[in-house]
């Protein structure tokens, strides 16, 4: 059996991964990595492949794709029950690839392939979100960030725009559409032992620093500190929100008087008005939702 299982999402990066796969394959061989690989065909298949690979005893399971692909792979590793016996490798080819910015994996796939033979491992936290989908309770692991409110609506709008625009334009189109159409929501927010009713634009639980294709959403986050960086954007008016979103890219928005930043291990959202949730850039469902931290749960090859 090979040392590493490489899981390739050819659809990642709006099809870019399929186009450059021969070059990635050559880079993997050039790195002298002992591996075999599988291509995904359907959504969720990376989870199944990763679960099987971890159970079979592969030392490294490598995600080739974006944050969504890495999320699927990590869910498979978690479901295998062998999370403490396998490490995650990442070769970024997606449109966002926000997580690698925090942990130091190179954005160039050639350099990322070389890192896979490194003995260096980074111990990082994971999150688990419990939410509702179609009236049924569901849970999912995330490794970068999750949230409820505007960020989930941006995710929804961006996916729609991808049918017609390039990945970069689709994100900005989704952002603009969501900003213009979104209405702040009333909810009960529980952060560890504190509970309050409030009207919010969005609530984010950050393990990594970046989200939304380069936004510095949780500038002080440390992926291995055992805590979420919880960012709550309160009842911000639309004109102010448009201005504030510009500051998110620089990570300077935390000084806004209606933005609250805390660190916590558990967050619960109980909606008074319907509110959608997302994790690692994937729209999942809706609240009620509970976000729990799993400290030091994963080893990543860096």
Protein backbone atom coordinates (compact mmCIF):
# COMPACT_ATOMS: atom_id res chain seq x y z
CA UNK A 1 0.00 0.00 0.00
CA UNK A 2 1.19 3.51 -0.80
CA UNK A 3 2.15 6.03 1.89
CA UNK A 4 -0.35 8.68 0.75
CA UNK A 5 -3.82 8.70 -0.77
CA UNK A 6 -4.36 11.70 -3.04
CA UNK A 7 -7.99 12.75 -3.56
CA UNK A 8 -8.54 14.98 -6.59
CA UNK A 9 -11.61 17.13 -7.19
CA UNK A 10 -11.36 17.93 -10.92
CA UNK A 11 -14.23 20.43 -10.66
CA UNK A 12 -12.42 22.60 -8.09
CA UNK A 13 -11.44 26.07 -9.23
CA UNK A 14 -14.27 26.07 -11.79
CA UNK A 15 -12.61 23.19 -13.63
CA UNK A 16 -9.05 24.50 -13.29
CA UNK A 17 -7.96 21.40 -11.36
CA UNK A 18 -8.86 19.08 -14.24
CA UNK A 19 -6.86 21.22 -16.67
CA UNK A 20 -3.69 21.30 -14.58
CA UNK A 21 -3.91 17.78 -13.14
CA UNK A 22 -1.18 16.37 -15.46
CA UNK A 23 1.18 19.04 -14.11
CA UNK A 24 0.18 18.30 -10.50
CA UNK A 25 0.72 14.59 -11.11
CA UNK A 26 4.20 15.32 -12.44
CA UNK A 27 4.93 17.51 -9.40
CA UNK A 28 3.85 14.72 -7.03
CA UNK A 29 6.19 12.26 -8.77
CA UNK A 30 8.98 14.86 -8.76
CA UNK A 31 8.58 15.14 -4.97
CA UNK A 32 9.19 11.36 -4.69
CA UNK A 33 5.92 10.91 -2.83
CA UNK A 34 4.76 7.29 -2.57
CA UNK A 35 1.07 7.68 -3.44
CA UNK A 36 -1.96 6.53 -5.33
CA UNK A 37 -4.89 8.73 -6.27
CA UNK A 38 -8.61 8.82 -6.96
CA UNK A 39 -10.69 11.39 -8.81
CA UNK A 40 -14.06 12.46 -7.44
CA UNK A 41 -17.07 12.44 -9.72
CA UNK A 42 -19.91 13.46 -7.42
CA UNK A 43 -20.37 15.86 -4.52
CA UNK A 44 -19.50 14.21 -1.20
CA UNK A 45 -17.38 11.48 -2.79
CA UNK A 46 -14.16 12.90 -1.30
CA UNK A 47 -15.60 12.16 2.13
CA UNK A 48 -16.19 8.51 1.23
CA UNK A 49 -12.72 8.09 -0.27
CA UNK A 50 -11.02 9.74 2.72
CA UNK A 51 -12.97 7.64 5.21
CA UNK A 52 -11.90 4.43 3.45
CA UNK A 53 -8.30 5.59 3.05
CA UNK A 54 -7.92 6.43 6.74
CA UNK A 55 -9.44 3.08 7.72
CA UNK A 56 -7.00 1.29 5.40
CA UNK A 57 -4.02 2.88 7.14
CA UNK A 58 -2.70 5.53 4.75
CA UNK A 59 -0.35 7.86 6.65
CA UNK A 60 -1.42 10.97 4.72
CA UNK A 61 -4.62 11.78 2.88
CA UNK A 62 -4.13 14.66 0.45
CA UNK A 63 -6.86 17.03 -0.74
CA UNK A 64 -6.35 18.47 -4.24
CA UNK A 65 -8.91 21.24 -4.64
CA UNK A 66 -10.24 24.15 -2.64
CA UNK A 67 -11.57 24.66 0.86
CA UNK A 68 -14.73 22.72 0.05
CA UNK A 69 -12.71 19.67 -1.03
CA UNK A 70 -10.54 19.87 2.11
CA UNK A 71 -13.73 20.06 4.17
CA UNK A 72 -15.07 16.88 2.57
CA UNK A 73 -11.77 15.08 3.14
CA UNK A 74 -11.60 16.09 6.81
CA UNK A 75 -15.16 14.89 7.35
CA UNK A 76 -14.12 11.51 5.96
CA UNK A 77 -11.08 11.35 8.24
CA UNK A 78 -13.27 12.19 11.23
CA UNK A 79 -15.88 9.58 10.31
CA UNK A 80 -13.20 6.89 10.01
CA UNK A 81 -12.45 7.04 13.73
CA UNK A 82 -8.74 7.10 12.82
CA UNK A 83 -8.19 10.85 13.04
CA UNK A 84 -5.24 10.47 15.42
CA UNK A 85 -3.46 8.09 13.04
CA UNK A 86 -3.55 10.06 9.79
CA UNK A 87 -2.45 13.52 8.63
CA UNK A 88 -4.07 15.87 6.12
CA UNK A 89 -2.12 17.17 3.15
CA UNK A 90 -3.36 20.01 0.94
CA UNK A 91 -2.55 20.91 -2.66
CA UNK A 92 -4.59 24.08 -3.24
CA UNK A 93 -6.28 24.53 -6.61
CA UNK A 94 -9.62 26.07 -5.62
CA UNK A 95 -10.98 29.56 -6.11
CA UNK A 96 -10.77 30.50 -2.43
CA UNK A 97 -8.21 28.30 -0.69
CA UNK A 98 -8.45 30.48 2.41
CA UNK A 99 -7.34 27.91 4.97
CA UNK A 100 -3.80 27.55 3.62
CA UNK A 101 -3.17 31.27 4.23
CA UNK A 102 -3.41 30.64 7.97
CA UNK A 103 -1.41 27.41 8.25
CA UNK A 104 1.39 28.29 5.82
CA UNK A 105 0.86 25.80 2.99
CA UNK A 106 2.16 27.38 -0.27
CA UNK A 107 -0.45 28.56 -2.76
CA UNK A 108 1.70 27.28 -5.65
CA UNK A 109 0.80 23.63 -6.25
CA UNK A 110 4.39 22.70 -7.12
CA UNK A 111 5.68 23.93 -3.77
CA UNK A 112 2.70 22.37 -1.98
CA UNK A 113 3.54 18.98 -3.53
CA UNK A 114 7.12 19.24 -2.26
CA UNK A 115 5.83 19.92 1.27
CA UNK A 116 3.97 16.59 1.30
CA UNK A 117 7.21 14.69 1.91
CA UNK A 118 8.04 16.92 4.89
CA UNK A 119 8.03 15.45 8.38
CA UNK A 120 6.68 18.74 9.75
CA UNK A 121 3.16 18.54 11.17
CA UNK A 122 0.95 21.28 12.57
CA UNK A 123 -1.60 20.34 15.22
CA UNK A 124 -4.83 22.25 14.60
CA UNK A 125 -8.32 22.51 16.02
CA UNK A 126 -11.49 21.44 14.25
CA UNK A 127 -15.06 22.57 14.70
CA UNK A 128 -18.27 20.60 14.58
CA UNK A 129 -21.55 22.26 13.68
CA UNK A 130 -24.97 20.81 14.45
CA UNK A 131 -27.71 22.35 12.29
CA UNK A 132 -30.99 21.69 10.50
CA UNK A 133 -31.36 20.68 6.87
CA UNK A 134 -34.80 20.05 5.44
CA UNK A 135 -36.20 19.74 8.96
CA UNK A 136 -33.65 17.08 9.94
CA UNK A 137 -30.76 17.48 12.42
CA UNK A 138 -27.34 17.13 10.78
CA UNK A 139 -23.75 17.55 11.96
CA UNK A 140 -20.60 18.40 10.03
CA UNK A 141 -16.93 19.00 10.74
CA UNK A 142 -15.23 22.22 9.61
CA UNK A 143 -11.58 23.24 9.67
CA UNK A 144 -11.51 26.95 8.81
CA UNK A 145 -14.59 28.97 9.67
CA UNK A 146 -18.35 28.68 9.95
CA UNK A 147 -21.12 31.16 10.49
CA UNK A 148 -24.70 32.26 10.22
CA UNK A 149 -26.36 35.20 8.52
CA UNK A 150 -24.89 37.38 5.81
CA UNK A 151 -21.87 35.16 5.18
CA UNK A 152 -24.17 32.21 4.46
CA UNK A 153 -26.26 34.34 2.09
CA UNK A 154 -23.10 35.47 0.27
CA UNK A 155 -22.23 31.79 -0.15
CA UNK A 156 -25.71 31.06 -1.52
CA UNK A 157 -25.60 33.98 -3.97
CA UNK A 158 -22.06 33.17 -5.11
CA UNK A 159 -22.99 29.59 -6.02
CA UNK A 160 -25.78 30.95 -8.22
CA UNK A 161 -23.44 33.43 -9.91
CA UNK A 162 -20.91 30.68 -10.72
CA UNK A 163 -23.26 29.43 -13.43
CA UNK A 164 -22.75 32.65 -15.39
CA UNK A 165 -19.50 34.33 -14.25
CA UNK A 166 -15.87 33.55 -13.49
CA UNK A 167 -15.12 32.50 -9.89
CA UNK A 168 -13.76 35.94 -8.91
CA UNK A 169 -16.60 37.86 -10.53
CA UNK A 170 -19.15 35.43 -9.13
CA UNK A 171 -17.95 36.12 -5.58
CA UNK A 172 -18.17 39.88 -5.98
CA UNK A 173 -21.54 39.50 -7.69
CA UNK A 174 -22.74 37.28 -4.86
CA UNK A 175 -21.41 39.72 -2.28
CA UNK A 176 -23.18 42.67 -3.88
CA UNK A 177 -26.46 40.77 -4.32
CA UNK A 178 -26.43 39.53 -0.72
CA UNK A 179 -25.57 42.96 0.69
CA UNK A 180 -28.44 44.60 -1.17
CA UNK A 181 -31.07 41.95 -0.40
CA UNK A 182 -30.14 40.78 3.11
CA UNK A 183 -32.02 41.82 6.24
CA UNK A 184 -30.50 41.50 9.71
CA UNK A 185 -32.02 38.74 11.87
CA UNK A 186 -33.22 38.50 15.45
CA UNK A 187 -31.90 35.55 17.41
CA UNK A 188 -30.77 34.21 20.75
CA UNK A 189 -27.00 33.95 20.89
CA UNK A 190 -25.25 31.79 23.48
CA UNK A 191 -21.46 32.11 23.73
CA UNK A 192 -20.16 29.62 26.30
CA UNK A 193 -22.20 30.53 29.40
CA UNK A 194 -23.53 33.93 28.29
CA UNK A 195 -26.90 34.17 26.52
CA UNK A 196 -28.59 37.21 25.00
CA UNK A 197 -31.24 38.18 22.47
CA UNK A 198 -30.02 40.50 19.76
CA UNK A 199 -30.38 41.52 16.14
CA UNK A 200 -27.34 40.59 14.07
CA UNK A 201 -25.98 40.81 10.57
CA UNK A 202 -23.82 37.72 10.99
CA UNK A 203 -21.97 35.58 13.51
CA UNK A 204 -18.67 33.92 12.58
CA UNK A 205 -16.71 31.18 14.33
CA UNK A 206 -13.12 31.34 13.15
CA UNK A 207 -10.41 28.71 13.51
CA UNK A 208 -8.45 30.15 10.59
CA UNK A 209 -7.97 33.83 9.85
CA UNK A 210 -9.31 34.09 6.29
CA UNK A 211 -12.62 33.49 4.54
CA UNK A 212 -14.57 34.57 1.49
CA UNK A 213 -11.65 34.43 -0.91
CA UNK A 214 -9.12 36.50 1.01
CA UNK A 215 -11.13 38.42 3.60
CA UNK A 216 -9.31 38.73 6.93
CA UNK A 217 -12.43 37.77 8.88
CA UNK A 218 -10.73 36.65 12.11
CA UNK A 219 -7.39 38.47 12.15
CA UNK A 220 -6.37 37.25 15.61
CA UNK A 221 -7.35 33.59 15.15
CA UNK A 222 -4.85 30.86 16.00
CA UNK A 223 -5.80 27.45 14.53
CA UNK A 224 -4.23 25.62 17.45
CA UNK A 225 -5.20 27.67 20.52
CA UNK A 226 -8.22 25.56 21.49
CA UNK A 227 -10.70 28.41 21.03
CA UNK A 228 -12.98 29.85 18.36
CA UNK A 229 -12.51 33.50 17.51
CA UNK A 230 -16.17 34.53 17.61
CA UNK A 231 -17.01 37.63 15.58
CA UNK A 232 -20.54 39.03 15.83
CA UNK A 233 -21.52 41.85 13.48
CA UNK A 234 -24.56 43.45 15.08
CA UNK A 235 -27.46 45.46 13.69
CA UNK A 236 -25.43 47.46 11.18
CA UNK A 237 -27.37 49.65 8.73
CA UNK A 238 -26.96 48.93 5.02
CA UNK A 239 -24.83 51.99 4.06
CA UNK A 240 -22.55 51.38 7.04
CA UNK A 241 -22.34 47.69 6.17
CA UNK A 242 -21.19 48.43 2.63
CA UNK A 243 -18.36 50.55 4.02
CA UNK A 244 -17.52 48.03 6.74
CA UNK A 245 -17.13 45.16 4.25
CA UNK A 246 -14.20 47.02 2.69
CA UNK A 247 -12.46 46.94 6.07
CA UNK A 248 -12.96 43.18 6.38
CA UNK A 249 -10.32 42.58 3.69
CA UNK A 250 -7.76 44.39 5.86
CA UNK A 251 -8.99 42.87 9.12
CA UNK A 252 -9.63 46.31 10.62
CA UNK A 253 -13.38 45.99 11.04
CA UNK A 254 -13.18 44.64 14.60
CA UNK A 255 -12.93 48.21 15.92
CA UNK A 256 -16.45 49.01 14.65
CA UNK A 257 -18.73 49.84 17.58
CA UNK A 258 -21.29 47.22 16.48
CA UNK A 259 -18.76 44.41 16.06
CA UNK A 260 -18.07 42.13 19.02
CA UNK A 261 -15.08 39.78 19.19
CA UNK A 262 -14.72 37.03 21.80
CA UNK A 263 -13.02 33.68 22.24
CA UNK A 264 -15.09 30.64 23.14
CA UNK A 265 -15.33 26.87 22.90
CA UNK A 266 -19.04 26.65 22.14
CA UNK A 267 -21.59 28.90 20.44
CA UNK A 268 -25.30 28.30 19.97
CA UNK A 269 -27.69 30.19 17.69
CA UNK A 270 -31.42 29.95 18.36
CA UNK A 271 -33.27 31.84 15.64
CA UNK A 272 -36.25 34.10 16.17
CA UNK A 273 -36.20 34.76 12.42
CA UNK A 274 -34.91 32.19 9.88
CA UNK A 275 -31.14 32.33 9.41
CA UNK A 276 -28.89 30.23 7.16
CA UNK A 277 -25.57 28.64 8.18
CA UNK A 278 -22.38 27.83 6.26
CA UNK A 279 -19.07 26.13 6.96
CA UNK A 280 -15.84 26.37 4.96
CA UNK A 281 -17.67 28.21 2.19
CA UNK A 282 -20.42 25.62 1.76
CA UNK A 283 -24.07 26.45 2.44
CA UNK A 284 -25.32 23.79 4.86
CA UNK A 285 -28.83 24.57 6.09
CA UNK A 286 -30.33 26.71 8.80
CA UNK A 287 -30.33 27.40 12.53
CA UNK A 288 -30.89 26.36 15.27
CA UNK A 289 -27.20 25.59 15.18
CA UNK A 290 -24.52 24.71 17.70
CA UNK A 291 -20.79 25.17 17.05
CA UNK A 292 -18.35 23.18 19.21
CA UNK A 293 -14.55 23.25 19.16
CA UNK A 294 -12.49 20.05 18.99
CA UNK A 295 -9.06 21.16 20.27
CA UNK A 296 -5.92 19.70 18.68
CA UNK A 297 -7.96 17.21 16.68
CA UNK A 298 -6.01 17.15 13.39
CA UNK A 299 -2.44 16.94 12.10
CA UNK A 300 -1.72 18.87 8.89
CA UNK A 301 1.40 18.45 6.76
CA UNK A 302 3.02 21.86 6.40
